[in-house]
């Protein structure tokens, strides 16, 4: 039986470097006591760096996402909130389900806008 491996995201969250063993919330879990980083950080680490290393241009990624360069830059700067429409574009482009992007945005919002 093949088990899905969970991504250890300690490097992508603020706070102490440890992941609660009790978190079982899907592909990626951000423990409640940690502040999540903006979804753009995950995009950069999980997709953008690998794509660039494989020769995919920034313009190609922007075109695949169907967004403007300004929107893309603002997203990478953490100025864009990932809504359902954008989450679906991220999902289609990265292969990472859209609910992941929405969950990370919620975690970011919950830990930064209380």
C-alpha atoms as a PDB file:
ATOM      1  CA  UNK A   1       0.000   0.000   0.000  1.00  0.00           C
ATOM      2  CA  UNK A   2       1.420   3.368  -1.005  1.00  0.00           C
ATOM      3  CA  UNK A   3       1.061   6.173   1.520  1.00  0.00           C
ATOM      4  CA  UNK A   4       1.040   9.781   0.410  1.00  0.00           C
ATOM      5  CA  UNK A   5       4.046  11.525   1.842  1.00  0.00           C
ATOM      6  CA  UNK A   6       3.292  14.775   3.596  1.00  0.00           C
ATOM      7  CA  UNK A   7       5.361  17.800   2.834  1.00  0.00           C
ATOM      8  CA  UNK A   8       7.353  19.031   5.816  1.00  0.00           C
ATOM      9  CA  UNK A   9       6.944  22.777   5.658  1.00  0.00           C
ATOM     10  CA  UNK A  10       8.876  23.856   8.729  1.00  0.00           C
ATOM     11  CA  UNK A  11      11.117  25.964   6.515  1.00  0.00           C
ATOM     12  CA  UNK A  12       8.075  27.745   5.116  1.00  0.00           C
ATOM     13  CA  UNK A  13       6.409  28.820   8.338  1.00  0.00           C
ATOM     14  CA  UNK A  14       7.343  31.353  10.963  1.00  0.00           C
ATOM     15  CA  UNK A  15       8.140  30.181  14.479  1.00  0.00           C
ATOM     16  CA  UNK A  16       9.962  27.287  16.053  1.00  0.00           C
ATOM     17  CA  UNK A  17      11.294  24.583  13.759  1.00  0.00           C
ATOM     18  CA  UNK A  18       9.010  21.666  14.597  1.00  0.00           C
ATOM     19  CA  UNK A  19       5.883  20.231  13.071  1.00  0.00           C
ATOM     20  CA  UNK A  20       3.109  19.015  15.362  1.00  0.00           C
ATOM     21  CA  UNK A  21       2.536  15.285  14.983  1.00  0.00           C
ATOM     22  CA  UNK A  22      -1.147  15.859  15.644  1.00  0.00           C
ATOM     23  CA  UNK A  23      -1.843  17.842  12.483  1.00  0.00           C
ATOM     24  CA  UNK A  24      -3.524  15.672   9.872  1.00  0.00           C
ATOM     25  CA  UNK A  25      -5.127  18.227   7.550  1.00  0.00           C
ATOM     26  CA  UNK A  26      -4.249  16.993   4.078  1.00  0.00           C
ATOM     27  CA  UNK A  27      -1.361  17.665   1.722  1.00  0.00           C
ATOM     28  CA  UNK A  28       0.222  20.351   3.867  1.00  0.00           C
ATOM     29  CA  UNK A  29      -0.588  21.221   7.438  1.00  0.00           C
ATOM     30  CA  UNK A  30       0.399  24.387   9.197  1.00  0.00           C
ATOM     31  CA  UNK A  31       0.159  23.921  12.946  1.00  0.00           C
ATOM     32  CA  UNK A  32      -2.210  26.410  14.518  1.00  0.00           C
ATOM     33  CA  UNK A  33       0.454  27.946  16.738  1.00  0.00           C
ATOM     34  CA  UNK A  34       2.655  28.929  13.783  1.00  0.00           C
ATOM     35  CA  UNK A  35       2.236  31.888  11.473  1.00  0.00           C
ATOM     36  CA  UNK A  36       1.875  30.788   7.879  1.00  0.00           C
ATOM     37  CA  UNK A  37       3.725  32.533   5.103  1.00  0.00           C
ATOM     38  CA  UNK A  38       1.916  33.988   2.108  1.00  0.00           C
ATOM     39  CA  UNK A  39       0.914  31.477  -0.607  1.00  0.00           C
ATOM     40  CA  UNK A  40       3.446  33.100  -2.950  1.00  0.00           C
ATOM     41  CA  UNK A  41       6.265  31.677  -0.814  1.00  0.00           C
ATOM     42  CA  UNK A  42       4.899  28.182  -1.338  1.00  0.00           C
ATOM     43  CA  UNK A  43       4.459  28.905  -5.058  1.00  0.00           C
ATOM     44  CA  UNK A  44       8.072  30.049  -5.300  1.00  0.00           C
ATOM     45  CA  UNK A  45       9.473  27.064  -3.400  1.00  0.00           C
ATOM     46  CA  UNK A  46       7.218  24.310  -4.720  1.00  0.00           C
ATOM     47  CA  UNK A  47       6.886  25.400  -8.346  1.00  0.00           C
ATOM     48  CA  UNK A  48       8.672  28.520  -9.540  1.00  0.00           C
ATOM     49  CA  UNK A  49      12.239  27.542  -8.636  1.00  0.00           C
ATOM     50  CA  UNK A  50      11.890  24.102 -10.221  1.00  0.00           C
ATOM     51  CA  UNK A  51      10.236  25.519 -13.342  1.00  0.00           C
ATOM     52  CA  UNK A  52      12.951  28.122 -13.784  1.00  0.00           C
ATOM     53  CA  UNK A  53      15.635  25.463 -13.308  1.00  0.00           C
ATOM     54  CA  UNK A  54      13.944  23.446 -16.056  1.00  0.00           C
ATOM     55  CA  UNK A  55      14.097  26.400 -18.439  1.00  0.00           C
ATOM     56  CA  UNK A  56      10.503  27.597 -18.148  1.00  0.00           C
ATOM     57  CA  UNK A  57      10.475  31.364 -18.550  1.00  0.00           C
ATOM     58  CA  UNK A  58       8.727  33.828 -16.302  1.00  0.00           C
ATOM     59  CA  UNK A  59       6.614  34.948 -19.282  1.00  0.00           C
ATOM     60  CA  UNK A  60       5.530  31.368 -19.950  1.00  0.00           C
ATOM     61  CA  UNK A  61       4.413  30.940 -16.336  1.00  0.00           C
ATOM     62  CA  UNK A  62       2.494  34.241 -16.485  1.00  0.00           C
ATOM     63  CA  UNK A  63       0.813  33.115 -19.699  1.00  0.00           C
ATOM     64  CA  UNK A  64      -0.053  29.705 -18.231  1.00  0.00           C
ATOM     65  CA  UNK A  65      -1.639  31.429 -15.242  1.00  0.00           C
ATOM     66  CA  UNK A  66      -3.554  33.803 -17.534  1.00  0.00           C
ATOM     67  CA  UNK A  67      -2.634  36.880 -15.493  1.00  0.00           C
ATOM     68  CA  UNK A  68      -0.789  40.124 -16.099  1.00  0.00           C
ATOM     69  CA  UNK A  69       2.850  40.645 -15.239  1.00  0.00           C
ATOM     70  CA  UNK A  70       1.803  43.274 -12.693  1.00  0.00           C
ATOM     71  CA  UNK A  71      -0.552  40.814 -10.977  1.00  0.00           C
ATOM     72  CA  UNK A  72       2.202  38.167 -10.981  1.00  0.00           C
ATOM     73  CA  UNK A  73       4.700  40.571  -9.411  1.00  0.00           C
ATOM     74  CA  UNK A  74       2.174  41.641  -6.778  1.00  0.00           C
ATOM     75  CA  UNK A  75       1.440  37.986  -5.999  1.00  0.00           C
ATOM     76  CA  UNK A  76       5.141  37.238  -5.533  1.00  0.00           C
ATOM     77  CA  UNK A  77       5.387  40.260  -3.220  1.00  0.00           C
ATOM     78  CA  UNK A  78       2.544  38.883  -1.081  1.00  0.00           C
ATOM     79  CA  UNK A  79       0.115  41.635  -2.063  1.00  0.00           C
ATOM     80  CA  UNK A  80      -2.480  39.371  -3.722  1.00  0.00           C
ATOM     81  CA  UNK A  81      -5.110  37.378  -1.859  1.00  0.00           C
ATOM     82  CA  UNK A  82      -5.657  33.961  -3.406  1.00  0.00           C
ATOM     83  CA  UNK A  83      -9.366  33.659  -4.187  1.00  0.00           C
ATOM     84  CA  UNK A  84     -11.118  30.666  -5.769  1.00  0.00           C
ATOM     85  CA  UNK A  85     -10.506  31.826  -9.346  1.00  0.00           C
ATOM     86  CA  UNK A  86      -6.796  32.403  -8.805  1.00  0.00           C
ATOM     87  CA  UNK A  87      -6.483  29.189  -6.765  1.00  0.00           C
ATOM     88  CA  UNK A  88      -7.859  27.239  -9.729  1.00  0.00           C
ATOM     89  CA  UNK A  89      -5.321  28.908 -12.036  1.00  0.00           C
ATOM     90  CA  UNK A  90      -2.536  28.033  -9.607  1.00  0.00           C
ATOM     91  CA  UNK A  91      -3.833  24.470  -9.398  1.00  0.00           C
ATOM     92  CA  UNK A  92      -4.021  24.049 -13.164  1.00  0.00           C
ATOM     93  CA  UNK A  93      -0.536  25.496 -13.620  1.00  0.00           C
ATOM     94  CA  UNK A  94       1.292  23.809 -10.753  1.00  0.00           C
ATOM     95  CA  UNK A  95      -0.569  20.514 -10.475  1.00  0.00           C
ATOM     96  CA  UNK A  96      -1.115  21.271  -6.781  1.00  0.00           C
ATOM     97  CA  UNK A  97      -4.867  21.188  -6.028  1.00  0.00           C
ATOM     98  CA  UNK A  98      -6.662  24.514  -5.752  1.00  0.00           C
ATOM     99  CA  UNK A  99      -7.881  23.701  -2.240  1.00  0.00           C
ATOM    100  CA  UNK A 100      -4.239  23.691  -1.101  1.00  0.00           C
ATOM    101  CA  UNK A 101      -3.849  27.307  -2.244  1.00  0.00           C
ATOM    102  CA  UNK A 102      -7.089  28.328  -0.539  1.00  0.00           C
ATOM    103  CA  UNK A 103      -6.106  26.561   2.685  1.00  0.00           C
ATOM    104  CA  UNK A 104      -2.704  28.263   2.741  1.00  0.00           C
ATOM    105  CA  UNK A 105      -4.359  31.652   2.128  1.00  0.00           C
ATOM    106  CA  UNK A 106      -6.778  31.011   5.007  1.00  0.00           C
ATOM    107  CA  UNK A 107      -3.903  30.029   7.293  1.00  0.00           C
ATOM    108  CA  UNK A 108      -2.026  33.165   6.281  1.00  0.00           C
ATOM    109  CA  UNK A 109      -5.083  35.334   6.900  1.00  0.00           C
ATOM    110  CA  UNK A 110      -5.840  33.659  10.232  1.00  0.00           C
ATOM    111  CA  UNK A 111      -2.304  34.178  11.534  1.00  0.00           C
ATOM    112  CA  UNK A 112      -1.746  37.698  10.226  1.00  0.00           C
ATOM    113  CA  UNK A 113      -5.090  39.457  10.503  1.00  0.00           C
ATOM    114  CA  UNK A 114      -6.425  38.510  13.935  1.00  0.00           C
END
